[in-house]
Amino acid sequence: MVEAQELDEADNVELTEDDLENKSKGQLIKLAGQLRDRRNELNQLASERASKRDDLNAKTREKVDEAQEHREQRDELNEQVQEHKESRNELNAEANELFDKVEDMKSDMELDEGKDLEELEEEIEELEFKQQTEVLSTEDERELIEKIEEKREEYTNRKEKLDQNEELDDLVEEAEEVRSEASQHHQKVTELADKAQEHHNQMIEAYREADDIRDDADEMHELFVEAQEAADRHHEDFVRVQKRLRELDKEEEEERKSEREQEKEEVEQEAEEIYERFKDGETLDTEDLMKLQKAGRL
């Protein structure tokens, strides 16, 4: 909702046909002044509302531009997300192939059978701890020692196989490096996707604000039209009154002209009578002579 100076219709000036036909010239002059003043007030109000409307429209354009910027940044980030996704997927596929080769090599070396080194090491430590802490019979202790030796031998054999196979180690290292690189791309996917979402949210908010401001601008335009139409009506009525005043002036001028012509006819008629008396030998006084002179008879 926009805030604007209200148009008080009580201040408007009304003009009727009866006013035009029956009001005196003085009353019409006063009415014309009132119409002119109210028209000027309304034009000023319309101008203020137009200025506010234009400011709101400018702010709307700013918000739309801001939203467009966020849209462009979002789209650019989404393109980067797609690029990193493709790289991540390619690297994961490559890593999977390498790890499959590792498993194949382990299978060929029979390293996938039995327990791994860490598990064997834990079992040896447990058996040694049992030997050191428990009281055993001679036979039980001999069996325990034999079991420890078997585990150690198994551990040594498996470790030797692994240590002797540098190609497997290199392959494992390569696979882990590729997987690590894929993880870096995945991290970039996450980071860039989060940023893209932020710009998307900011774009939506900017468009929402633009819509709100545009609604205010439309409302202000309606208020502008209201004031401008009222101003135009007052101007039209002012012009009508001015036209009526010119008609009255013309009527008065015609009346004065008619009075002058009638007065001239009367003067000429009186002068003709005086002149006839003069021709008949009648003596004229000063006033009669002045009337003849005024009529152009002397």
C-alpha atoms as a PDB file:
ATOM      1  CA  MET A   1       0.000   0.000   0.000  1.00  0.00           C
ATOM      2  CA  VAL A   2       1.422   3.383  -1.041  1.00  0.00           C
ATOM      3  CA  GLU A   3       1.091   6.579   0.936  1.00  0.00           C
ATOM      4  CA  ALA A   4      -0.109   9.643  -0.974  1.00  0.00           C
ATOM      5  CA  GLN A   5      -1.776  12.949  -0.261  1.00  0.00           C
ATOM      6  CA  GLU A   6      -5.508  12.334  -0.461  1.00  0.00           C
ATOM      7  CA  LEU A   7      -7.700  14.108  -2.981  1.00  0.00           C
ATOM      8  CA  ASP A   8     -10.373  15.909  -0.949  1.00  0.00           C
ATOM      9  CA  GLU A   9     -13.376  16.063  -3.257  1.00  0.00           C
ATOM     10  CA  ALA A  10     -14.970  18.581  -0.932  1.00  0.00           C
ATOM     11  CA  ASP A  11     -12.455  21.119  -2.281  1.00  0.00           C
ATOM     12  CA  ASN A  12     -13.571  20.548  -5.874  1.00  0.00           C
ATOM     13  CA  VAL A  13     -15.455  23.347  -7.610  1.00  0.00           C
ATOM     14  CA  GLU A  14     -18.719  22.443  -9.351  1.00  0.00           C
ATOM     15  CA  LEU A  15     -20.090  24.201 -12.414  1.00  0.00           C
ATOM     16  CA  THR A  16     -23.636  23.787 -13.716  1.00  0.00           C
ATOM     17  CA  GLU A  17     -25.376  24.998 -16.854  1.00  0.00           C
ATOM     18  CA  ASP A  18     -27.556  27.146 -14.617  1.00  0.00           C
ATOM     19  CA  ASP A  19     -24.378  28.840 -13.303  1.00  0.00           C
ATOM     20  CA  LEU A  20     -23.277  29.665 -16.837  1.00  0.00           C
ATOM     21  CA  GLU A  21     -26.660  31.010 -17.882  1.00  0.00           C
ATOM     22  CA  ASN A  22     -27.766  32.905 -14.799  1.00  0.00           C
ATOM     23  CA  LYS A  23     -24.779  33.989 -12.712  1.00  0.00           C
ATOM     24  CA  SER A  24     -23.628  37.563 -13.051  1.00  0.00           C
ATOM     25  CA  LYS A  25     -20.365  38.500 -14.702  1.00  0.00           C
ATOM     26  CA  GLY A  26     -18.810  39.235 -11.304  1.00  0.00           C
ATOM     27  CA  GLN A  27     -19.930  35.890  -9.950  1.00  0.00           C
ATOM     28  CA  LEU A  28     -18.542  34.116 -13.028  1.00  0.00           C
ATOM     29  CA  ILE A  29     -15.199  35.885 -12.693  1.00  0.00           C
ATOM     30  CA  LYS A  30     -14.999  34.702  -9.082  1.00  0.00           C
ATOM     31  CA  LEU A  31     -16.007  31.171 -10.145  1.00  0.00           C
ATOM     32  CA  ALA A  32     -13.352  31.177 -12.878  1.00  0.00           C
ATOM     33  CA  GLY A  33     -10.718  32.082 -10.283  1.00  0.00           C
ATOM     34  CA  GLN A  34     -11.849  29.241  -8.041  1.00  0.00           C
ATOM     35  CA  LEU A  35     -11.756  26.777 -10.941  1.00  0.00           C
ATOM     36  CA  ARG A  36      -8.303  27.989 -11.982  1.00  0.00           C
ATOM     37  CA  ASP A  37      -6.903  27.710  -8.446  1.00  0.00           C
ATOM     38  CA  ARG A  38      -8.382  24.235  -7.896  1.00  0.00           C
ATOM     39  CA  ARG A  39      -7.131  23.125 -11.323  1.00  0.00           C
ATOM     40  CA  ASN A  40      -3.620  24.272 -10.424  1.00  0.00           C
ATOM     41  CA  GLU A  41      -3.789  22.454  -7.058  1.00  0.00           C
ATOM     42  CA  LEU A  42      -4.926  19.270  -8.781  1.00  0.00           C
ATOM     43  CA  ASN A  43      -2.238  19.567 -11.461  1.00  0.00           C
ATOM     44  CA  GLN A  44       0.352  19.912  -8.707  1.00  0.00           C
ATOM     45  CA  LEU A  45      -1.060  16.868  -6.929  1.00  0.00           C
ATOM     46  CA  ALA A  46      -1.079  14.905 -10.203  1.00  0.00           C
ATOM     47  CA  SER A  47       2.537  15.927 -10.824  1.00  0.00           C
ATOM     48  CA  GLU A  48       3.573  14.747  -7.348  1.00  0.00           C
ATOM     49  CA  ARG A  49       1.799  11.423  -7.862  1.00  0.00           C
ATOM     50  CA  ALA A  50       3.366  10.995 -11.323  1.00  0.00           C
ATOM     51  CA  SER A  51       6.794  11.623  -9.804  1.00  0.00           C
ATOM     52  CA  LYS A  52       6.195   9.011  -7.093  1.00  0.00           C
ATOM     53  CA  ARG A  53       4.891   6.570  -9.711  1.00  0.00           C
ATOM     54  CA  ASP A  54       7.995   7.110 -11.841  1.00  0.00           C
ATOM     55  CA  ASP A  55      10.239   6.582  -8.796  1.00  0.00           C
ATOM     56  CA  LEU A  56       8.427   3.328  -8.021  1.00  0.00           C
ATOM     57  CA  ASN A  57       8.718   2.189 -11.631  1.00  0.00           C
ATOM     58  CA  ALA A  58      12.458   2.948 -11.506  1.00  0.00           C
ATOM     59  CA  LYS A  59      12.783   0.889  -8.313  1.00  0.00           C
ATOM     60  CA  THR A  60      10.845  -1.919 -10.009  1.00  0.00           C
ATOM     61  CA  ARG A  61      13.323  -1.896 -12.886  1.00  0.00           C
ATOM     62  CA  GLU A  62      16.218  -1.926 -10.396  1.00  0.00           C
ATOM     63  CA  LYS A  63      14.771  -4.994  -8.658  1.00  0.00           C
ATOM     64  CA  VAL A  64      14.156  -6.742 -11.980  1.00  0.00           C
ATOM     65  CA  ASP A  65      17.752  -5.984 -13.012  1.00  0.00           C
ATOM     66  CA  GLU A  66      18.941  -7.325  -9.641  1.00  0.00           C
ATOM     67  CA  ALA A  67      16.901 -10.496 -10.164  1.00  0.00           C
ATOM     68  CA  GLN A  68      18.354 -10.886 -13.652  1.00  0.00           C
ATOM     69  CA  GLU A  69      21.878 -10.602 -12.259  1.00  0.00           C
ATOM     70  CA  HIS A  70      21.137 -13.341  -9.731  1.00  0.00           C
ATOM     71  CA  ARG A  71      19.615 -15.452 -12.516  1.00  0.00           C
ATOM     72  CA  GLU A  72      22.753 -15.072 -14.645  1.00  0.00           C
ATOM     73  CA  GLN A  73      25.043 -15.921 -11.716  1.00  0.00           C
ATOM     74  CA  ARG A  74      22.854 -18.916 -10.816  1.00  0.00           C
ATOM     75  CA  ASP A  75      22.929 -20.209 -14.388  1.00  0.00           C
ATOM     76  CA  GLU A  76      26.690 -19.718 -14.610  1.00  0.00           C
ATOM     77  CA  LEU A  77      27.190 -21.619 -11.341  1.00  0.00           C
ATOM     78  CA  ASN A  78      24.865 -24.382 -12.494  1.00  0.00           C
ATOM     79  CA  GLU A  79      26.991 -24.761 -15.632  1.00  0.00           C
ATOM     80  CA  GLN A  80      30.064 -25.126 -13.420  1.00  0.00           C
ATOM     81  CA  VAL A  81      28.181 -27.644 -11.260  1.00  0.00           C
ATOM     82  CA  GLN A  82      27.414 -29.690 -14.367  1.00  0.00           C
ATOM     83  CA  GLU A  83      31.065 -29.568 -15.479  1.00  0.00           C
ATOM     84  CA  HIS A  84      32.294 -30.763 -12.074  1.00  0.00           C
ATOM     85  CA  LYS A  85      29.615 -33.463 -11.994  1.00  0.00           C
ATOM     86  CA  GLU A  86      30.811 -34.787 -15.341  1.00  0.00           C
ATOM     87  CA  SER A  87      34.430 -34.750 -14.171  1.00  0.00           C
ATOM     88  CA  ARG A  88      33.466 -36.418 -10.869  1.00  0.00           C
ATOM     89  CA  ASN A  89      31.501 -39.144 -12.633  1.00  0.00           C
ATOM     90  CA  GLU A  90      34.287 -39.780 -15.117  1.00  0.00           C
ATOM     91  CA  LEU A  91      36.878 -40.003 -12.318  1.00  0.00           C
ATOM     92  CA  ASN A  92      34.673 -42.251 -10.187  1.00  0.00           C
ATOM     93  CA  ALA A  93      34.233 -44.560 -13.142  1.00  0.00           C
ATOM     94  CA  GLU A  94      37.999 -44.575 -13.664  1.00  0.00           C
ATOM     95  CA  ALA A  95      38.604 -45.218  -9.942  1.00  0.00           C
ATOM     96  CA  ASN A  96      36.092 -48.072  -9.961  1.00  0.00           C
ATOM     97  CA  GLU A  97      37.932 -49.691 -12.845  1.00  0.00           C
ATOM     98  CA  LEU A  98      41.259 -49.339 -10.996  1.00  0.00           C
ATOM     99  CA  PHE A  99      39.839 -50.805  -7.778  1.00  0.00           C
ATOM    100  CA  ASP A 100      38.390 -53.686  -9.791  1.00  0.00           C
ATOM    101  CA  LYS A 101      41.905 -54.332 -11.136  1.00  0.00           C
ATOM    102  CA  VAL A 102      43.230 -54.234  -7.566  1.00  0.00           C
ATOM    103  CA  GLU A 103      40.686 -56.842  -6.514  1.00  0.00           C
ATOM    104  CA  ASP A 104      41.530 -58.977  -9.528  1.00  0.00           C
ATOM    105  CA  MET A 105      45.234 -58.823  -8.656  1.00  0.00           C
ATOM    106  CA  LYS A 106      44.524 -59.694  -5.030  1.00  0.00           C
ATOM    107  CA  SER A 107      42.415 -62.613  -6.169  1.00  0.00           C
ATOM    108  CA  ASP A 108      45.183 -63.815  -8.455  1.00  0.00           C
ATOM    109  CA  MET A 109      47.624 -63.587  -5.552  1.00  0.00           C
ATOM    110  CA  GLU A 110      45.117 -65.276  -3.216  1.00  0.00           C
ATOM    111  CA  LEU A 111      45.354 -62.234  -0.977  1.00  0.00           C
ATOM    112  CA  ASP A 112      41.616 -62.001  -0.796  1.00  0.00           C
ATOM    113  CA  GLU A 113      41.430 -65.300   1.047  1.00  0.00           C
ATOM    114  CA  GLY A 114      41.899 -65.417   4.785  1.00  0.00           C
ATOM    115  CA  LYS A 115      42.339 -62.562   7.191  1.00  0.00           C
ATOM    116  CA  ASP A 116      44.016 -59.212   6.479  1.00  0.00           C
ATOM    117  CA  LEU A 117      47.235 -58.106   8.171  1.00  0.00           C
ATOM    118  CA  GLU A 118      45.592 -55.936  10.806  1.00  0.00           C
ATOM    119  CA  GLU A 119      43.287 -58.706  11.882  1.00  0.00           C
ATOM    120  CA  LEU A 120      46.197 -61.202  12.076  1.00  0.00           C
ATOM    121  CA  GLU A 121      48.232 -58.695  14.083  1.00  0.00           C
ATOM    122  CA  GLU A 122      45.406 -58.248  16.568  1.00  0.00           C
ATOM    123  CA  GLU A 123      45.012 -62.029  16.974  1.00  0.00           C
ATOM    124  CA  ILE A 124      48.770 -62.458  17.600  1.00  0.00           C
ATOM    125  CA  GLU A 125      48.671 -59.700  20.248  1.00  0.00           C
ATOM    126  CA  GLU A 126      45.709 -61.346  21.979  1.00  0.00           C
ATOM    127  CA  LEU A 127      47.427 -64.767  22.041  1.00  0.00           C
ATOM    128  CA  GLU A 128      50.670 -63.271  23.368  1.00  0.00           C
ATOM    129  CA  PHE A 129      48.723 -61.397  26.050  1.00  0.00           C
ATOM    130  CA  LYS A 130      47.033 -64.670  27.037  1.00  0.00           C
ATOM    131  CA  GLN A 131      50.412 -66.411  27.227  1.00  0.00           C
ATOM    132  CA  GLN A 132      51.802 -63.694  29.474  1.00  0.00           C
ATOM    133  CA  THR A 133      48.847 -63.304  31.819  1.00  0.00           C
ATOM    134  CA  GLU A 134      47.283 -66.740  32.193  1.00  0.00           C
ATOM    135  CA  VAL A 135      48.590 -69.798  34.053  1.00  0.00           C
ATOM    136  CA  LEU A 136      48.529 -72.675  31.572  1.00  0.00           C
ATOM    137  CA  SER A 137      49.461 -76.302  31.652  1.00  0.00           C
ATOM    138  CA  THR A 138      52.557 -77.335  29.721  1.00  0.00           C
ATOM    139  CA  GLU A 139      50.505 -78.876  26.986  1.00  0.00           C
ATOM    140  CA  ASP A 140      48.173 -75.871  26.707  1.00  0.00           C
ATOM    141  CA  GLU A 141      51.103 -73.469  26.632  1.00  0.00           C
ATOM    142  CA  ARG A 142      52.797 -75.551  23.895  1.00  0.00           C
ATOM    143  CA  GLU A 143      49.638 -75.457  21.821  1.00  0.00           C
ATOM    144  CA  LEU A 144      49.361 -71.722  22.400  1.00  0.00           C
ATOM    145  CA  ILE A 145      52.973 -71.145  21.322  1.00  0.00           C
ATOM    146  CA  GLU A 146      52.420 -73.250  18.194  1.00  0.00           C
ATOM    147  CA  LYS A 147      49.302 -71.241  17.400  1.00  0.00           C
ATOM    148  CA  ILE A 148      51.204 -67.979  17.848  1.00  0.00           C
ATOM    149  CA  GLU A 149      53.917 -69.202  15.526  1.00  0.00           C
ATOM    150  CA  GLU A 150      51.376 -70.234  12.922  1.00  0.00           C
ATOM    151  CA  LYS A 151      49.778 -66.803  13.059  1.00  0.00           C
ATOM    152  CA  ARG A 152      53.144 -65.103  12.781  1.00  0.00           C
ATOM    153  CA  GLU A 153      54.083 -67.261   9.828  1.00  0.00           C
ATOM    154  CA  GLU A 154      50.755 -66.501   8.141  1.00  0.00           C
ATOM    155  CA  TYR A 155      51.245 -62.816   8.851  1.00  0.00           C
ATOM    156  CA  THR A 156      54.803 -62.888   7.451  1.00  0.00           C
ATOM    157  CA  ASN A 157      53.767 -64.776   4.318  1.00  0.00           C
ATOM    158  CA  ARG A 158      50.912 -62.409   3.541  1.00  0.00           C
ATOM    159  CA  LYS A 159      53.039 -59.341   4.246  1.00  0.00           C
ATOM    160  CA  GLU A 160      55.820 -60.653   2.006  1.00  0.00           C
ATOM    161  CA  LYS A 161      53.382 -61.199  -0.831  1.00  0.00           C
ATOM    162  CA  LEU A 162      52.070 -57.657  -0.461  1.00  0.00           C
ATOM    163  CA  ASP A 163      55.509 -56.105  -0.080  1.00  0.00           C
ATOM    164  CA  GLN A 164      56.808 -58.008  -3.074  1.00  0.00           C
ATOM    165  CA  ASN A 165      54.017 -56.773  -5.322  1.00  0.00           C
ATOM    166  CA  GLU A 166      54.920 -53.143  -6.098  1.00  0.00           C
ATOM    167  CA  GLU A 167      52.534 -53.091  -9.062  1.00  0.00           C
ATOM    168  CA  LEU A 168      49.608 -53.708  -6.708  1.00  0.00           C
ATOM    169  CA  ASP A 169      50.748 -50.919  -4.396  1.00  0.00           C
ATOM    170  CA  ASP A 170      51.105 -48.531  -7.308  1.00  0.00           C
ATOM    171  CA  LEU A 171      47.688 -49.497  -8.600  1.00  0.00           C
ATOM    172  CA  VAL A 172      46.114 -48.978  -5.193  1.00  0.00           C
ATOM    173  CA  GLU A 173      47.810 -45.578  -4.885  1.00  0.00           C
ATOM    174  CA  GLU A 174      46.658 -44.556  -8.348  1.00  0.00           C
ATOM    175  CA  ALA A 175      43.094 -45.666  -7.627  1.00  0.00           C
ATOM    176  CA  GLU A 176      43.047 -43.753  -4.343  1.00  0.00           C
ATOM    177  CA  GLU A 177      44.430 -40.619  -6.029  1.00  0.00           C
ATOM    178  CA  VAL A 178      41.759 -40.780  -8.735  1.00  0.00           C
ATOM    179  CA  ARG A 179      39.084 -41.326  -6.067  1.00  0.00           C
ATOM    180  CA  SER A 180      40.463 -38.359  -4.115  1.00  0.00           C
ATOM    181  CA  GLU A 181      40.327 -36.165  -7.216  1.00  0.00           C
ATOM    182  CA  ALA A 182      36.740 -37.285  -7.788  1.00  0.00           C
ATOM    183  CA  SER A 183      35.937 -36.351  -4.188  1.00  0.00           C
ATOM    184  CA  GLN A 184      37.379 -32.870  -4.772  1.00  0.00           C
ATOM    185  CA  HIS A 185      35.079 -32.430  -7.754  1.00  0.00           C
ATOM    186  CA  HIS A 186      32.158 -33.653  -5.658  1.00  0.00           C
ATOM    187  CA  GLN A 187      33.019 -31.089  -2.994  1.00  0.00           C
ATOM    188  CA  LYS A 188      33.017 -28.380  -5.680  1.00  0.00           C
ATOM    189  CA  VAL A 189      29.643 -29.654  -6.879  1.00  0.00           C
ATOM    190  CA  THR A 190      28.254 -29.236  -3.369  1.00  0.00           C
ATOM    191  CA  GLU A 191      29.800 -25.787  -2.830  1.00  0.00           C
ATOM    192  CA  LEU A 192      28.752 -24.422  -6.215  1.00  0.00           C
ATOM    193  CA  ALA A 193      25.262 -25.934  -5.957  1.00  0.00           C
ATOM    194  CA  ASP A 194      24.799 -24.212  -2.573  1.00  0.00           C
ATOM    195  CA  LYS A 195      25.893 -20.885  -4.073  1.00  0.00           C
ATOM    196  CA  ALA A 196      23.615 -21.404  -7.069  1.00  0.00           C
ATOM    197  CA  GLN A 197      20.711 -22.056  -4.692  1.00  0.00           C
ATOM    198  CA  GLU A 198      21.510 -18.852  -2.784  1.00  0.00           C
ATOM    199  CA  HIS A 199      21.388 -16.843  -6.012  1.00  0.00           C
ATOM    200  CA  HIS A 200      18.164 -18.621  -6.977  1.00  0.00           C
ATOM    201  CA  ASN A 201      16.581 -17.685  -3.640  1.00  0.00           C
ATOM    202  CA  GLN A 202      17.802 -14.092  -4.014  1.00  0.00           C
ATOM    203  CA  MET A 203      16.411 -13.993  -7.550  1.00  0.00           C
ATOM    204  CA  ILE A 204      12.992 -15.174  -6.336  1.00  0.00           C
ATOM    205  CA  GLU A 205      13.029 -12.579  -3.530  1.00  0.00           C
ATOM    206  CA  ALA A 206      14.039  -9.784  -5.926  1.00  0.00           C
ATOM    207  CA  TYR A 207      11.220 -10.710  -8.315  1.00  0.00           C
ATOM    208  CA  ARG A 208       8.782 -10.788  -5.392  1.00  0.00           C
ATOM    209  CA  GLU A 209       9.902  -7.334  -4.268  1.00  0.00           C
ATOM    210  CA  ALA A 210       9.657  -6.090  -7.864  1.00  0.00           C
ATOM    211  CA  ASP A 211       6.050  -7.348  -8.027  1.00  0.00           C
ATOM    212  CA  ASP A 212       5.194  -5.598  -4.750  1.00  0.00           C
ATOM    213  CA  ILE A 213       6.747  -2.312  -5.906  1.00  0.00           C
ATOM    214  CA  ARG A 214       5.037  -2.638  -9.305  1.00  0.00           C
ATOM    215  CA  ASP A 215       1.689  -3.025  -7.518  1.00  0.00           C
ATOM    216  CA  ASP A 216       2.438   0.187  -5.607  1.00  0.00           C
ATOM    217  CA  ALA A 217       3.401   1.909  -8.867  1.00  0.00           C
ATOM    218  CA  ASP A 218       0.131   0.790 -10.498  1.00  0.00           C
ATOM    219  CA  GLU A 219      -1.829   2.056  -7.495  1.00  0.00           C
ATOM    220  CA  MET A 220       0.028   5.385  -7.652  1.00  0.00           C
ATOM    221  CA  HIS A 221      -0.732   5.604 -11.385  1.00  0.00           C
ATOM    222  CA  GLU A 222      -4.427   5.192 -10.633  1.00  0.00           C
ATOM    223  CA  LEU A 223      -4.169   8.007  -8.084  1.00  0.00           C
ATOM    224  CA  PHE A 224      -2.347  10.120 -10.673  1.00  0.00           C
ATOM    225  CA  VAL A 225      -5.134   9.510 -13.211  1.00  0.00           C
ATOM    226  CA  GLU A 226      -7.711  10.414 -10.563  1.00  0.00           C
ATOM    227  CA  ALA A 227      -6.015  13.782  -9.865  1.00  0.00           C
ATOM    228  CA  GLN A 228      -5.299  14.482 -13.536  1.00  0.00           C
ATOM    229  CA  GLU A 229      -8.871  13.787 -14.617  1.00  0.00           C
ATOM    230  CA  ALA A 230     -10.161  16.069 -11.854  1.00  0.00           C
ATOM    231  CA  ALA A 231      -7.688  18.762 -12.957  1.00  0.00           C
ATOM    232  CA  ASP A 232      -8.766  18.351 -16.597  1.00  0.00           C
ATOM    233  CA  ARG A 233     -12.425  18.677 -15.619  1.00  0.00           C
ATOM    234  CA  HIS A 234     -11.704  21.867 -13.699  1.00  0.00           C
ATOM    235  CA  HIS A 235      -9.742  23.184 -16.665  1.00  0.00           C
ATOM    236  CA  GLU A 236     -12.593  22.393 -19.044  1.00  0.00           C
ATOM    237  CA  ASP A 237     -15.035  24.154 -16.725  1.00  0.00           C
ATOM    238  CA  PHE A 238     -12.626  27.091 -16.425  1.00  0.00           C
ATOM    239  CA  VAL A 239     -12.512  27.331 -20.228  1.00  0.00           C
ATOM    240  CA  ARG A 240     -16.320  27.207 -20.380  1.00  0.00           C
ATOM    241  CA  VAL A 241     -16.596  30.050 -17.889  1.00  0.00           C
ATOM    242  CA  GLN A 242     -13.983  32.073 -19.817  1.00  0.00           C
ATOM    243  CA  LYS A 243     -15.936  31.484 -23.001  1.00  0.00           C
ATOM    244  CA  ARG A 244     -19.129  32.619 -21.265  1.00  0.00           C
ATOM    245  CA  LEU A 245     -17.352  35.742 -19.981  1.00  0.00           C
ATOM    246  CA  ARG A 246     -16.196  36.549 -23.512  1.00  0.00           C
ATOM    247  CA  GLU A 247     -19.781  36.131 -24.698  1.00  0.00           C
ATOM    248  CA  LEU A 248     -20.957  38.513 -21.976  1.00  0.00           C
ATOM    249  CA  ASP A 249     -18.222  40.991 -22.926  1.00  0.00           C
ATOM    250  CA  LYS A 250     -19.353  40.755 -26.547  1.00  0.00           C
ATOM    251  CA  GLU A 251     -22.984  41.265 -25.539  1.00  0.00           C
ATOM    252  CA  GLU A 252     -22.038  44.293 -23.430  1.00  0.00           C
ATOM    253  CA  GLU A 253     -19.988  45.707 -26.288  1.00  0.00           C
ATOM    254  CA  GLU A 254     -22.888  45.228 -28.686  1.00  0.00           C
ATOM    255  CA  GLU A 255     -25.213  46.918 -26.180  1.00  0.00           C
ATOM    256  CA  ARG A 256     -22.790  49.832 -25.831  1.00  0.00           C
ATOM    257  CA  LYS A 257     -22.438  50.028 -29.611  1.00  0.00           C
ATOM    258  CA  SER A 258     -26.204  50.016 -29.997  1.00  0.00           C
ATOM    259  CA  GLU A 259     -26.522  52.704 -27.340  1.00  0.00           C
ATOM    260  CA  ARG A 260     -23.867  54.818 -29.107  1.00  0.00           C
ATOM    261  CA  GLU A 261     -25.610  54.448 -32.460  1.00  0.00           C
ATOM    262  CA  GLN A 262     -28.943  55.308 -30.922  1.00  0.00           C
ATOM    263  CA  GLU A 263     -27.404  58.294 -29.164  1.00  0.00           C
ATOM    264  CA  LYS A 264     -25.823  59.391 -32.442  1.00  0.00           C
ATOM    265  CA  GLU A 265     -29.161  59.124 -34.238  1.00  0.00           C
ATOM    266  CA  GLU A 266     -30.835  61.163 -31.520  1.00  0.00           C
ATOM    267  CA  VAL A 267     -28.106  63.819 -31.702  1.00  0.00           C
ATOM    268  CA  GLU A 268     -28.370  64.002 -35.492  1.00  0.00           C
ATOM    269  CA  GLN A 269     -32.158  64.218 -35.331  1.00  0.00           C
ATOM    270  CA  GLU A 270     -32.029  67.005 -32.758  1.00  0.00           C
ATOM    271  CA  ALA A 271     -29.360  68.809 -34.808  1.00  0.00           C
ATOM    272  CA  GLU A 272     -31.585  68.526 -37.897  1.00  0.00           C
ATOM    273  CA  GLU A 273     -34.450  70.125 -35.984  1.00  0.00           C
ATOM    274  CA  ILE A 274     -32.192  72.959 -34.749  1.00  0.00           C
ATOM    275  CA  TYR A 275     -30.809  73.462 -38.255  1.00  0.00           C
ATOM    276  CA  GLU A 276     -34.331  73.737 -39.690  1.00  0.00           C
ATOM    277  CA  ARG A 277     -35.178  76.332 -37.074  1.00  0.00           C
ATOM    278  CA  PHE A 278     -32.001  78.199 -37.988  1.00  0.00           C
ATOM    279  CA  LYS A 279     -32.987  78.162 -41.664  1.00  0.00           C
ATOM    280  CA  ASP A 280     -36.393  79.513 -40.694  1.00  0.00           C
ATOM    281  CA  GLY A 281     -34.601  82.523 -39.164  1.00  0.00           C
ATOM    282  CA  GLU A 282     -34.817  81.526 -35.576  1.00  0.00           C
ATOM    283  CA  THR A 283     -31.994  82.773 -33.370  1.00  0.00           C
ATOM    284  CA  LEU A 284     -29.897  79.947 -31.855  1.00  0.00           C
ATOM    285  CA  ASP A 285     -28.387  80.003 -28.393  1.00  0.00           C
ATOM    286  CA  THR A 286     -24.972  78.671 -27.403  1.00  0.00           C
ATOM    287  CA  GLU A 287     -26.287  75.257 -26.463  1.00  0.00           C
ATOM    288  CA  ASP A 288     -27.948  74.887 -29.854  1.00  0.00           C
ATOM    289  CA  LEU A 289     -24.732  75.863 -31.592  1.00  0.00           C
ATOM    290  CA  MET A 290     -22.766  73.270 -29.583  1.00  0.00           C
ATOM    291  CA  LYS A 291     -25.267  70.565 -30.554  1.00  0.00           C
ATOM    292  CA  LEU A 292     -24.885  71.521 -34.229  1.00  0.00           C
ATOM    293  CA  GLN A 293     -21.128  71.427 -33.877  1.00  0.00           C
ATOM    294  CA  LYS A 294     -21.297  67.998 -32.198  1.00  0.00           C
ATOM    295  CA  ALA A 295     -23.436  66.712 -35.071  1.00  0.00           C
ATOM    296  CA  GLY A 296     -20.951  68.130 -37.615  1.00  0.00           C
ATOM    297  CA  ARG A 297     -23.364  70.695 -38.964  1.00  0.00           C
ATOM    298  CA  LEU A 298     -20.984  73.618 -38.311  1.00  0.00           C
END
